[in-house]
Amino acid sequence: MRSLLGTHDLLLVTLDTLRHDVAADLLAAGRTPNLAKVLPGGAWERRHTPASFTYAAHHAFFGGFLPTPVTPGPHERPFAARFPGSTTVGADTWEFDAPDVVTGLRAEGYRTVCLGGVGFFAMTSPQGSVLPGLFDEAHWTREFGVTNPACFEAQLETLATVLPPERPLFTFVNVAALHQPNRHYLPGAAEDSLASHGAALEYVDRHLPELLRLVTSRGRPCHVIMCSDHGTAYGEDGHTGHRVAHEVVWTVPYAQFTLEAGAW
């Protein structure tokens, strides 16, 4: 990350609530072909999230604590707030003297843009304004939220209008489609399920090329981090939803890769 700073645009995508097992199964079945084209080695990395729900997980992400590899560590982090005694900062880690990576990137000359999805980015309440308030520019409408089956498309339409022409850019997109309710992605479904969760990921995959086209259209290579903030339960051990300490909640898909300018 240190060597990319200033020469590369940066994109952080959180596929809100996406379970690792569902993401891996769909990939293996060939149901997410556009993700297969960009994931390193054609596979999701299995990681553990630092928190079990959106608000807490994104505070950790922006503080430099992305999902952690499931293998024994310590694991070097791509970026980190500078503080004494950190054991996960290495030669390639970019350290910033700021409380969060968004502020740190702004100090390095980046324009920072947020396209929220779920309610913690809605800016309709004081709490829903905390995370988007970190950015130079933040966007949210009801069309970006969990009740709109075309939520990702709505975000992409807005992103196409706000890409600045000159400065390096850090774009953050929180995709709401996977979050409950997702039954509308499965025709005839009366309730949310693992099947509708998977259908929501197929919807996102269909429109992923437009996101990648937009972020590589500015004449700079773009470094991408794509992951889930947490998973969710559909009846496992009696649990439904998240904000609980269960394996299907803590285990998330993760990927990191660089796209050349104009690659899409």
C-alpha atoms as a PDB file:
ATOM      1  CA  MET A   1       0.000   0.000   0.000  1.00  0.00           C
ATOM      2  CA  ARG A   2       2.859   2.375   0.779  1.00  0.00           C
ATOM      3  CA  SER A   3       4.235   2.125  -2.768  1.00  0.00           C
ATOM      4  CA  LEU A   4       0.804   2.741  -4.340  1.00  0.00           C
ATOM      5  CA  LEU A   5       0.075   5.970  -2.514  1.00  0.00           C
ATOM      6  CA  GLY A   6      -0.378   8.941  -4.818  1.00  0.00           C
ATOM      7  CA  THR A   7       0.037   7.019  -8.077  1.00  0.00           C
ATOM      8  CA  HIS A   8      -3.057   4.811  -7.736  1.00  0.00           C
ATOM      9  CA  ASP A   9      -6.695   5.489  -7.115  1.00  0.00           C
ATOM     10  CA  LEU A  10      -8.112   3.419  -4.273  1.00  0.00           C
ATOM     11  CA  LEU A  11     -11.458   1.613  -4.044  1.00  0.00           C
ATOM     12  CA  LEU A  12     -12.905  -0.037  -0.939  1.00  0.00           C
ATOM     13  CA  VAL A  13     -16.073  -2.055  -1.537  1.00  0.00           C
ATOM     14  CA  THR A  14     -17.957  -3.651   1.332  1.00  0.00           C
ATOM     15  CA  LEU A  15     -20.523  -6.207   0.208  1.00  0.00           C
ATOM     16  CA  ASP A  16     -22.599  -5.703   3.316  1.00  0.00           C
ATOM     17  CA  THR A  17     -23.569  -8.920   5.132  1.00  0.00           C
ATOM     18  CA  LEU A  18     -22.092 -11.299   2.510  1.00  0.00           C
ATOM     19  CA  ARG A  19     -21.268 -14.714   3.968  1.00  0.00           C
ATOM     20  CA  HIS A  20     -18.016 -16.385   2.983  1.00  0.00           C
ATOM     21  CA  ASP A  21     -19.573 -19.796   2.417  1.00  0.00           C
ATOM     22  CA  VAL A  22     -22.183 -18.400   0.038  1.00  0.00           C
ATOM     23  CA  ALA A  23     -19.609 -16.324  -1.849  1.00  0.00           C
ATOM     24  CA  ALA A  24     -17.268 -19.305  -2.220  1.00  0.00           C
ATOM     25  CA  ASP A  25     -20.030 -21.712  -3.263  1.00  0.00           C
ATOM     26  CA  LEU A  26     -21.376 -19.383  -5.956  1.00  0.00           C
ATOM     27  CA  LEU A  27     -17.884 -18.764  -7.281  1.00  0.00           C
ATOM     28  CA  ALA A  28     -17.177 -22.505  -7.507  1.00  0.00           C
ATOM     29  CA  ALA A  29     -20.478 -23.052  -9.315  1.00  0.00           C
ATOM     30  CA  GLY A  30     -19.659 -20.395 -11.912  1.00  0.00           C
ATOM     31  CA  ARG A  31     -22.512 -18.151 -10.810  1.00  0.00           C
ATOM     32  CA  THR A  32     -20.359 -15.033 -10.244  1.00  0.00           C
ATOM     33  CA  PRO A  33     -18.282 -14.892 -13.454  1.00  0.00           C
ATOM     34  CA  ASN A  34     -17.289 -11.249 -13.171  1.00  0.00           C
ATOM     35  CA  LEU A  35     -15.880 -11.728  -9.690  1.00  0.00           C
ATOM     36  CA  ALA A  36     -14.015 -14.775 -10.998  1.00  0.00           C
ATOM     37  CA  LYS A  37     -12.209 -12.515 -13.488  1.00  0.00           C
ATOM     38  CA  VAL A  38     -10.723 -10.234 -10.822  1.00  0.00           C
ATOM     39  CA  LEU A  39     -10.285 -12.282  -7.635  1.00  0.00           C
ATOM     40  CA  PRO A  40      -6.616 -13.242  -7.147  1.00  0.00           C
ATOM     41  CA  GLY A  41      -6.255 -16.890  -8.072  1.00  0.00           C
ATOM     42  CA  GLY A  42      -9.952 -16.930  -8.929  1.00  0.00           C
ATOM     43  CA  ALA A  43     -10.922 -17.373  -5.283  1.00  0.00           C
ATOM     44  CA  TRP A  44     -12.106 -15.452  -2.252  1.00  0.00           C
ATOM     45  CA  GLU A  45      -9.769 -15.369   0.739  1.00  0.00           C
ATOM     46  CA  ARG A  46     -11.375 -16.594   3.959  1.00  0.00           C
ATOM     47  CA  ARG A  47     -10.965 -14.056   6.754  1.00  0.00           C
ATOM     48  CA  HIS A  48     -12.397 -13.063  10.134  1.00  0.00           C
ATOM     49  CA  THR A  49     -14.081  -9.699  10.558  1.00  0.00           C
ATOM     50  CA  PRO A  50     -13.247  -7.464  13.544  1.00  0.00           C
ATOM     51  CA  ALA A  51     -16.950  -6.951  14.345  1.00  0.00           C
ATOM     52  CA  SER A  52     -20.320  -8.616  13.927  1.00  0.00           C
ATOM     53  CA  PHE A  53     -22.337  -5.708  12.512  1.00  0.00           C
ATOM     54  CA  THR A  54     -21.914  -2.836  10.077  1.00  0.00           C
ATOM     55  CA  TYR A  55     -21.286   0.167  12.319  1.00  0.00           C
ATOM     56  CA  ALA A  56     -18.570  -1.436  14.419  1.00  0.00           C
ATOM     57  CA  ALA A  57     -16.919  -3.235  11.491  1.00  0.00           C
ATOM     58  CA  HIS A  58     -16.549  -0.070   9.428  1.00  0.00           C
ATOM     59  CA  HIS A  59     -15.097   1.888  12.340  1.00  0.00           C
ATOM     60  CA  ALA A  60     -12.454  -0.854  12.532  1.00  0.00           C
ATOM     61  CA  PHE A  61     -11.892  -0.869   8.749  1.00  0.00           C
ATOM     62  CA  PHE A  62     -11.410   2.888   8.566  1.00  0.00           C
ATOM     63  CA  GLY A  63      -9.097   2.659  11.580  1.00  0.00           C
ATOM     64  CA  GLY A  64      -6.842   0.252   9.664  1.00  0.00           C
ATOM     65  CA  PHE A  65      -8.194  -3.077  10.918  1.00  0.00           C
ATOM     66  CA  LEU A  66      -9.502  -4.940   7.892  1.00  0.00           C
ATOM     67  CA  PRO A  67     -10.676  -8.574   8.133  1.00  0.00           C
ATOM     68  CA  THR A  68      -7.837 -10.768   9.414  1.00  0.00           C
ATOM     69  CA  PRO A  69      -6.544 -13.932   7.668  1.00  0.00           C
ATOM     70  CA  VAL A  70      -7.769 -17.063   9.420  1.00  0.00           C
ATOM     71  CA  THR A  71      -4.253 -18.539   9.576  1.00  0.00           C
ATOM     72  CA  PRO A  72      -2.089 -17.829  12.648  1.00  0.00           C
ATOM     73  CA  GLY A  73      -0.500 -14.357  12.638  1.00  0.00           C
ATOM     74  CA  PRO A  74       0.640 -11.745  13.166  1.00  0.00           C
ATOM     75  CA  HIS A  75      -0.435 -10.479   9.738  1.00  0.00           C
ATOM     76  CA  GLU A  76       0.909  -7.272   8.227  1.00  0.00           C
ATOM     77  CA  ARG A  77      -1.813  -4.717   7.526  1.00  0.00           C
ATOM     78  CA  PRO A  78      -2.031  -2.691   4.280  1.00  0.00           C
ATOM     79  CA  PHE A  79      -2.574   0.563   6.196  1.00  0.00           C
ATOM     80  CA  ALA A  80      -2.591   1.525   9.845  1.00  0.00           C
ATOM     81  CA  ALA A  81      -2.931   4.514  12.146  1.00  0.00           C
ATOM     82  CA  ARG A  82       0.446   5.246  13.673  1.00  0.00           C
ATOM     83  CA  PHE A  83       0.666   4.241  17.337  1.00  0.00           C
ATOM     84  CA  PRO A  84       3.471   2.795  19.500  1.00  0.00           C
ATOM     85  CA  GLY A  85       3.808  -0.949  19.835  1.00  0.00           C
ATOM     86  CA  SER A  86       1.782  -2.142  16.847  1.00  0.00           C
ATOM     87  CA  THR A  87       2.837  -5.692  15.927  1.00  0.00           C
ATOM     88  CA  THR A  88       1.032  -5.768  12.562  1.00  0.00           C
ATOM     89  CA  VAL A  89       2.856  -2.917  10.812  1.00  0.00           C
ATOM     90  CA  GLY A  90       5.515  -3.983   8.314  1.00  0.00           C
ATOM     91  CA  ALA A  91       7.700  -2.633   5.541  1.00  0.00           C
ATOM     92  CA  ASP A  92       4.783  -2.376   3.099  1.00  0.00           C
ATOM     93  CA  THR A  93       2.264  -0.896   5.534  1.00  0.00           C
ATOM     94  CA  TRP A  94       1.259   2.713   4.936  1.00  0.00           C
ATOM     95  CA  GLU A  95       1.023   4.412   8.342  1.00  0.00           C
ATOM     96  CA  PHE A  96      -1.049   7.564   8.672  1.00  0.00           C
ATOM     97  CA  ASP A  97      -1.037  10.190  11.412  1.00  0.00           C
ATOM     98  CA  ALA A  98      -4.800  10.541  11.646  1.00  0.00           C
ATOM     99  CA  PRO A  99      -7.656   8.839  13.500  1.00  0.00           C
ATOM    100  CA  ASP A 100      -8.905   7.120  10.338  1.00  0.00           C
ATOM    101  CA  VAL A 101      -7.740   6.231   6.841  1.00  0.00           C
ATOM    102  CA  VAL A 102     -10.159   8.640   5.154  1.00  0.00           C
ATOM    103  CA  THR A 103      -8.631  11.622   6.946  1.00  0.00           C
ATOM    104  CA  GLY A 104      -5.163  10.222   6.342  1.00  0.00           C
ATOM    105  CA  LEU A 105      -5.748   9.926   2.599  1.00  0.00           C
ATOM    106  CA  ARG A 106      -7.119  13.456   2.434  1.00  0.00           C
ATOM    107  CA  ALA A 107      -3.855  14.691   3.952  1.00  0.00           C
ATOM    108  CA  GLU A 108      -2.029  12.862   1.134  1.00  0.00           C
ATOM    109  CA  GLY A 109      -4.004  14.763  -1.511  1.00  0.00           C
ATOM    110  CA  TYR A 110      -6.800  12.278  -2.167  1.00  0.00           C
ATOM    111  CA  ARG A 111     -10.393  13.272  -2.814  1.00  0.00           C
ATOM    112  CA  THR A 112     -12.576  10.983  -0.694  1.00  0.00           C
ATOM    113  CA  VAL A 113     -16.042   9.917  -1.872  1.00  0.00           C
ATOM    114  CA  CYS A 114     -18.584   7.740  -0.030  1.00  0.00           C
ATOM    115  CA  LEU A 115     -21.588   6.004  -1.573  1.00  0.00           C
ATOM    116  CA  GLY A 116     -23.470   4.499   1.341  1.00  0.00           C
ATOM    117  CA  GLY A 117     -25.908   1.636   1.279  1.00  0.00           C
ATOM    118  CA  VAL A 118     -27.341   0.398   4.577  1.00  0.00           C
ATOM    119  CA  GLY A 119     -28.812   2.648   7.246  1.00  0.00           C
ATOM    120  CA  PHE A 120     -25.544   3.414   9.037  1.00  0.00           C
ATOM    121  CA  PHE A 121     -24.621   5.501   5.961  1.00  0.00           C
ATOM    122  CA  ALA A 122     -28.060   7.029   5.409  1.00  0.00           C
ATOM    123  CA  MET A 123     -27.297  10.483   6.888  1.00  0.00           C
ATOM    124  CA  THR A 124     -30.910  10.652   8.095  1.00  0.00           C
ATOM    125  CA  SER A 125     -29.882  10.608  11.776  1.00  0.00           C
ATOM    126  CA  PRO A 126     -26.870  11.727  13.842  1.00  0.00           C
ATOM    127  CA  GLN A 127     -25.585   8.138  14.062  1.00  0.00           C
ATOM    128  CA  GLY A 128     -26.131   7.562  10.351  1.00  0.00           C
ATOM    129  CA  SER A 129     -23.982  10.618   9.637  1.00  0.00           C
ATOM    130  CA  VAL A 130     -20.863   9.571  11.577  1.00  0.00           C
ATOM    131  CA  LEU A 131     -19.234   7.313   8.975  1.00  0.00           C
ATOM    132  CA  PRO A 132     -20.153   9.304   5.836  1.00  0.00           C
ATOM    133  CA  GLY A 133     -19.112  12.451   7.703  1.00  0.00           C
ATOM    134  CA  LEU A 134     -15.478  11.344   7.405  1.00  0.00           C
ATOM    135  CA  PHE A 135     -15.512  11.923   3.627  1.00  0.00           C
ATOM    136  CA  ASP A 136     -15.110  15.015   1.464  1.00  0.00           C
ATOM    137  CA  GLU A 137     -18.231  13.983  -0.386  1.00  0.00           C
ATOM    138  CA  ALA A 138     -20.934  11.549   0.725  1.00  0.00           C
ATOM    139  CA  HIS A 139     -24.020  10.348  -1.139  1.00  0.00           C
ATOM    140  CA  TRP A 140     -27.076   8.426  -0.024  1.00  0.00           C
ATOM    141  CA  THR A 141     -30.666   8.206  -1.192  1.00  0.00           C
ATOM    142  CA  ARG A 142     -33.392   5.727  -0.353  1.00  0.00           C
ATOM    143  CA  GLU A 143     -32.700   4.109  -3.730  1.00  0.00           C
ATOM    144  CA  PHE A 144     -29.255   3.030  -2.405  1.00  0.00           C
ATOM    145  CA  GLY A 145     -30.836   1.177   0.515  1.00  0.00           C
ATOM    146  CA  VAL A 146     -31.881  -2.348   1.356  1.00  0.00           C
ATOM    147  CA  THR A 147     -35.464  -2.103   0.101  1.00  0.00           C
ATOM    148  CA  ASN A 148     -34.572  -1.250  -3.512  1.00  0.00           C
ATOM    149  CA  PRO A 149     -33.839  -4.307  -5.702  1.00  0.00           C
ATOM    150  CA  ALA A 150     -31.830  -1.994  -8.001  1.00  0.00           C
ATOM    151  CA  CYS A 151     -29.779  -0.427  -5.191  1.00  0.00           C
ATOM    152  CA  PHE A 152     -26.339  -1.147  -6.683  1.00  0.00           C
ATOM    153  CA  GLU A 153     -27.369   0.255 -10.056  1.00  0.00           C
ATOM    154  CA  ALA A 154     -28.552   3.449  -8.348  1.00  0.00           C
ATOM    155  CA  GLN A 155     -25.168   3.838  -6.657  1.00  0.00           C
ATOM    156  CA  LEU A 156     -23.350   3.360  -9.959  1.00  0.00           C
ATOM    157  CA  GLU A 157     -25.490   5.981 -11.665  1.00  0.00           C
ATOM    158  CA  THR A 158     -24.477   8.485  -8.981  1.00  0.00           C
ATOM    159  CA  LEU A 159     -20.817   7.462  -9.022  1.00  0.00           C
ATOM    160  CA  ALA A 160     -20.659   8.198 -12.752  1.00  0.00           C
ATOM    161  CA  THR A 161     -21.547  11.831 -12.008  1.00  0.00           C
ATOM    162  CA  VAL A 162     -19.133  12.527  -9.130  1.00  0.00           C
ATOM    163  CA  LEU A 163     -15.742  11.221 -10.265  1.00  0.00           C
ATOM    164  CA  PRO A 164     -13.326  14.170 -10.024  1.00  0.00           C
ATOM    165  CA  PRO A 165     -11.043  14.594 -13.046  1.00  0.00           C
ATOM    166  CA  GLU A 166      -7.670  15.385 -11.481  1.00  0.00           C
ATOM    167  CA  ARG A 167      -6.790  14.476  -7.897  1.00  0.00           C
ATOM    168  CA  PRO A 168      -6.132  10.906  -6.769  1.00  0.00           C
ATOM    169  CA  LEU A 169      -9.401   9.402  -5.612  1.00  0.00           C
ATOM    170  CA  PHE A 170     -10.449   7.162  -2.734  1.00  0.00           C
ATOM    171  CA  THR A 171     -13.903   5.727  -3.410  1.00  0.00           C
ATOM    172  CA  PHE A 172     -15.854   3.796  -0.790  1.00  0.00           C
ATOM    173  CA  VAL A 173     -18.973   1.855  -1.787  1.00  0.00           C
ATOM    174  CA  ASN A 174     -21.157   0.022   0.715  1.00  0.00           C
ATOM    175  CA  VAL A 175     -23.410  -2.356  -1.258  1.00  0.00           C
ATOM    176  CA  ALA A 176     -26.723  -3.071   0.494  1.00  0.00           C
ATOM    177  CA  ALA A 177     -28.126  -5.820  -1.749  1.00  0.00           C
ATOM    178  CA  LEU A 178     -26.993  -8.802   0.370  1.00  0.00           C
ATOM    179  CA  HIS A 179     -28.514  -7.425   3.554  1.00  0.00           C
ATOM    180  CA  GLN A 180     -31.977  -8.457   4.621  1.00  0.00           C
ATOM    181  CA  PRO A 181     -34.492  -8.119   3.024  1.00  0.00           C
ATOM    182  CA  ASN A 182     -33.068  -9.894  -0.034  1.00  0.00           C
ATOM    183  CA  ARG A 183     -36.008 -12.134  -0.954  1.00  0.00           C
ATOM    184  CA  HIS A 184     -36.844  -9.858  -3.883  1.00  0.00           C
ATOM    185  CA  TYR A 185     -33.835 -11.268  -5.780  1.00  0.00           C
ATOM    186  CA  LEU A 186     -35.437 -14.723  -5.849  1.00  0.00           C
ATOM    187  CA  PRO A 187     -38.726 -14.729  -7.798  1.00  0.00           C
ATOM    188  CA  GLY A 188     -41.599 -16.081  -5.731  1.00  0.00           C
ATOM    189  CA  ALA A 189     -39.657 -16.154  -2.445  1.00  0.00           C
ATOM    190  CA  ALA A 190     -41.767 -15.333   0.609  1.00  0.00           C
ATOM    191  CA  GLU A 191     -38.847 -14.924   3.011  1.00  0.00           C
ATOM    192  CA  ASP A 192     -35.111 -14.373   3.071  1.00  0.00           C
ATOM    193  CA  SER A 193     -32.896 -17.458   2.826  1.00  0.00           C
ATOM    194  CA  LEU A 194     -29.441 -18.623   1.838  1.00  0.00           C
ATOM    195  CA  ALA A 195     -30.813 -18.976  -1.690  1.00  0.00           C
ATOM    196  CA  SER A 196     -31.989 -15.351  -1.874  1.00  0.00           C
ATOM    197  CA  HIS A 197     -28.715 -14.231  -0.290  1.00  0.00           C
ATOM    198  CA  GLY A 198     -26.921 -15.972  -3.152  1.00  0.00           C
ATOM    199  CA  ALA A 199     -29.283 -14.488  -5.728  1.00  0.00           C
ATOM    200  CA  ALA A 200     -28.452 -11.029  -4.366  1.00  0.00           C
ATOM    201  CA  LEU A 201     -24.752 -11.710  -4.939  1.00  0.00           C
ATOM    202  CA  GLU A 202     -25.503 -12.765  -8.513  1.00  0.00           C
ATOM    203  CA  TYR A 203     -27.269  -9.414  -8.972  1.00  0.00           C
ATOM    204  CA  VAL A 204     -24.199  -7.542  -7.724  1.00  0.00           C
ATOM    205  CA  ASP A 205     -21.919  -9.603  -9.951  1.00  0.00           C
ATOM    206  CA  ARG A 206     -23.954  -8.712 -13.048  1.00  0.00           C
ATOM    207  CA  HIS A 207     -23.336  -5.018 -12.449  1.00  0.00           C
ATOM    208  CA  LEU A 208     -19.760  -5.251 -11.153  1.00  0.00           C
ATOM    209  CA  PRO A 209     -18.194  -4.486 -14.587  1.00  0.00           C
ATOM    210  CA  GLU A 210     -19.738  -0.995 -14.542  1.00  0.00           C
ATOM    211  CA  LEU A 211     -18.166  -0.227 -11.170  1.00  0.00           C
ATOM    212  CA  LEU A 212     -14.775  -1.423 -12.375  1.00  0.00           C
ATOM    213  CA  ARG A 213     -15.145   0.504 -15.626  1.00  0.00           C
ATOM    214  CA  LEU A 214     -15.869   3.716 -13.732  1.00  0.00           C
ATOM    215  CA  VAL A 215     -12.966   3.442 -11.312  1.00  0.00           C
ATOM    216  CA  THR A 216     -10.465   2.613 -14.065  1.00  0.00           C
ATOM    217  CA  SER A 217     -11.672   5.363 -16.413  1.00  0.00           C
ATOM    218  CA  ARG A 218      -9.647   8.202 -14.872  1.00  0.00           C
ATOM    219  CA  GLY A 219      -6.227   7.449 -16.336  1.00  0.00           C
ATOM    220  CA  ARG A 220      -4.780   5.904 -13.174  1.00  0.00           C
ATOM    221  CA  PRO A 221      -4.495   2.300 -12.032  1.00  0.00           C
ATOM    222  CA  CYS A 222      -6.893   1.488  -9.199  1.00  0.00           C
ATOM    223  CA  HIS A 223      -6.073  -0.638  -6.176  1.00  0.00           C
ATOM    224  CA  VAL A 224      -9.167  -2.469  -4.935  1.00  0.00           C
ATOM    225  CA  ILE A 225     -10.034  -3.948  -1.557  1.00  0.00           C
ATOM    226  CA  MET A 226     -13.311  -5.875  -1.625  1.00  0.00           C
ATOM    227  CA  CYS A 227     -14.759  -7.689   1.352  1.00  0.00           C
ATOM    228  CA  SER A 228     -17.759  -8.219   3.551  1.00  0.00           C
ATOM    229  CA  ASP A 229     -18.134  -6.464   6.880  1.00  0.00           C
ATOM    230  CA  HIS A 230     -19.841  -9.476   8.505  1.00  0.00           C
ATOM    231  CA  GLY A 231     -21.984 -12.452   7.616  1.00  0.00           C
ATOM    232  CA  THR A 232     -25.481 -13.302   8.765  1.00  0.00           C
ATOM    233  CA  ALA A 233     -27.389 -16.320  10.045  1.00  0.00           C
ATOM    234  CA  TYR A 234     -30.375 -18.011   8.452  1.00  0.00           C
ATOM    235  CA  GLY A 235     -31.367 -20.313  11.295  1.00  0.00           C
ATOM    236  CA  GLU A 236     -27.969 -21.846  12.133  1.00  0.00           C
ATOM    237  CA  ASP A 237     -28.086 -22.996  15.776  1.00  0.00           C
ATOM    238  CA  GLY A 238     -31.319 -21.064  16.134  1.00  0.00           C
ATOM    239  CA  HIS A 239     -29.812 -17.703  15.106  1.00  0.00           C
ATOM    240  CA  THR A 240     -31.258 -15.313  12.565  1.00  0.00           C
ATOM    241  CA  GLY A 241     -29.424 -12.158  11.532  1.00  0.00           C
ATOM    242  CA  HIS A 242     -26.106 -10.930  12.908  1.00  0.00           C
ATOM    243  CA  ARG A 243     -24.580  -9.037  15.866  1.00  0.00           C
ATOM    244  CA  VAL A 244     -23.964 -12.472  17.383  1.00  0.00           C
ATOM    245  CA  ALA A 245     -20.730 -14.448  17.825  1.00  0.00           C
ATOM    246  CA  HIS A 246     -21.358 -17.222  15.311  1.00  0.00           C
ATOM    247  CA  GLU A 247     -19.032 -18.695  12.687  1.00  0.00           C
ATOM    248  CA  VAL A 248     -21.284 -17.668   9.782  1.00  0.00           C
ATOM    249  CA  VAL A 249     -21.197 -14.069  11.053  1.00  0.00           C
ATOM    250  CA  TRP A 250     -17.478 -13.804  11.807  1.00  0.00           C
ATOM    251  CA  THR A 251     -16.185 -15.472   8.623  1.00  0.00           C
ATOM    252  CA  VAL A 252     -16.150 -13.206   5.582  1.00  0.00           C
ATOM    253  CA  PRO A 253     -14.794 -13.139   2.006  1.00  0.00           C
ATOM    254  CA  TYR A 254     -11.860 -10.817   1.205  1.00  0.00           C
ATOM    255  CA  ALA A 255      -9.902  -9.864  -1.910  1.00  0.00           C
ATOM    256  CA  GLN A 256      -7.254  -7.281  -2.793  1.00  0.00           C
ATOM    257  CA  PHE A 257      -6.013  -6.564  -6.328  1.00  0.00           C
ATOM    258  CA  THR A 258      -4.896  -3.824  -8.711  1.00  0.00           C
ATOM    259  CA  LEU A 259      -6.604  -2.918 -11.997  1.00  0.00           C
ATOM    260  CA  GLU A 260      -4.753  -1.045 -14.726  1.00  0.00           C
ATOM    261  CA  ALA A 261      -6.189   2.189 -16.114  1.00  0.00           C
ATOM    262  CA  GLY A 262      -8.774   1.462 -18.778  1.00  0.00           C
ATOM    263  CA  ALA A 263      -8.757  -2.271 -18.052  1.00  0.00           C
ATOM    264  CA  TRP A 264     -12.581  -2.349 -18.032  1.00  0.00           C
END
